[in-house]
Amino acid sequence: MKNFFFLRVKKLDIETGSPWVVIINNADAQRNGLRAGDQLLLRWGKHTREVIVDITDSMVKPGQIGLFEDIINKCRFENNKLIQLTLSTHSESIKAIQKKILGKKLSYKEIYSIINDVVEYKLDDAEMAFFVAGAFSKSTCLSRRELFYLAKAIAYTGKIFRFGNIVVDKHSIGGIPGNRVTPIIVAIIASYGIIIPKTSTRAVTSAAGTADTFEVLAPVTFGAKDLQKFIKKANAFLVWGAEDIAPADDRILSIVYKLGIELYNKMIVSIIAKKVGEGVTHLILDIPVGPTAKVTNMKDARKIANLFLFLAKKFNIKIKIIISKSVKGPIGKGIGPTLEARDVLRVLQQKENRPIDLEEKSILLAGKLLELTGKVKKGLGSYFSRKALINGNAWKKMKQIITIQGGKPLDSEQIKQGKIKLDIIAHKTGRITEVHNKNLVEICRLLGAPGTKTAGIYFHKMIKEPVKTGDVLFTLYTSSILHLSAAKEALKKIWIYKIK
């Protein structure tokens, strides 16, 4: 059997989200001993690319190779172009994955080969799943040195931005509903002329991510050139990721989510790799700890902190870690994109009804970040953070960020909430002792958040506050009667508040 053959390109008007899948006719597959899922090396001119084969009886004719829009857009093939395909041998990345499954240590070159093949779509989901299993299972898990190699490979297979000599960022481990301190911190820090490029995630299992919330105020999807412009104009931006930064990470995380496992080490590597890609030199890390938070105990919090310290040092990132103990409820009063956006603006605009807990945490973290850069003396960070809010400079900076990203600055009360709402009433007198964060998020998602930006919950009573029978505890917001019915049914089975 020949180890190569030729086929002519047929463009397929389909986008798959997986750039390196091709389709050949069953007759060509049988003639060349191929099965669905086999790998081939595609050659045209001086270029090569590994691809994965799918087989059809009708979509392409014998002698043709079907190329989806994903490949066409990247490589600009023309219809009927003759290309050569060679049977692919096991790549270095597959050998490295096999080695890790056997519990052996990997070099940086081996880990880089895996991550590079993830970026180039040379590894499929199954092969990546084997890598994730080998890299993070207890018996074969990556050592600290290998985790450094992994973070480095994820960062350096993407774009590395150089925004300035001092580039700062804040990151939270998450798990606390609300807690939308990031836009407030960005506005405070940038108002002092410090560069703070902020790429944030959308919600995966929560009621809203920072990107979901800020998208209420301005667009969040941009390319690398736009980000450079934003930094020059405002010292800051708030965007949804950036496909050029750590591009392997999203593919690997999708496998982690499919496996349904919580991997602290992978989470840490992911965060550090993206900070390296953003050119961050100073980082404040927030680790909330609480019974229904993502991190539930101090032992895990300390392990996470220690690994962050190790990796940050390797990349010359100056880091300060804040462990917030005994977090028993949300931060802020609104949970859901538009409700959280309103909270953020109420703080920046210094409204009387602003959530004070959200304001105080923002001031604390922004203050620590100011001190970390050396721009203000130790112990004075909170003073200068609060000053930026009181004198209006933080809100002025936020208006600039919103405008350059294509949004229109609003008054907090102009943000529209869900048209359908329901007040939930207290049936006993006492004091609120706890809010179940995970149950709260479940109700918000049943209401439609974050997909429906106007869906969510607004709290009228917070932890430690007294409650009387008949008081409104919280209000449900949604745009659908069906969503409201689902949330009401769930509230009969799970609790959000504890009143004692």
Foldseek 3Di string as FASTA:
>chain_A
DDQKDKAWEDEDADDDVQQAEKEAEPVVCVVVVHDFQFWKWKDDDPDIAIHGYDYDHPPDDHRYMYGYPSNCVVPVDDGRDMIMIGGDDDDLQLVLLVCLQVQDADDLVNLLSVLLCLLRSVDDLVSLLSSCCSCFPPRRHYDLVVLLSNLVSLQVSFAADDQDPAEEEEEEPWQFFQLLLRLLLQLLLLLVVAAYEAAWAFDDQFQGINQLQCVLFFAADDAPVLSSVLCVQRSYAYHHQYCRGSVSLVSSVVSVVVVVDDGLSSVLSVVSSRCRRHVHQEYEYEYEEACQGPHDDPVVVVVSVVSNVVSCVVSNHHYDYDYHYHDFHHQWFWGFRLRSNLLSLCQLQVPPPHRVRSNQVSLVRSLVRCCSVVVDPPPCRSVSSVVCSVVNSSVVSSQVNSVSRPGHDDRSVVRDAAPDKDFDWDQAWAFWAGFNSSLQRVLQVLLPGPVQRRWHKGAPHDHGDTHHGGDGGIMTGHHDPRSVVVSVVSCVPDPGTDGD
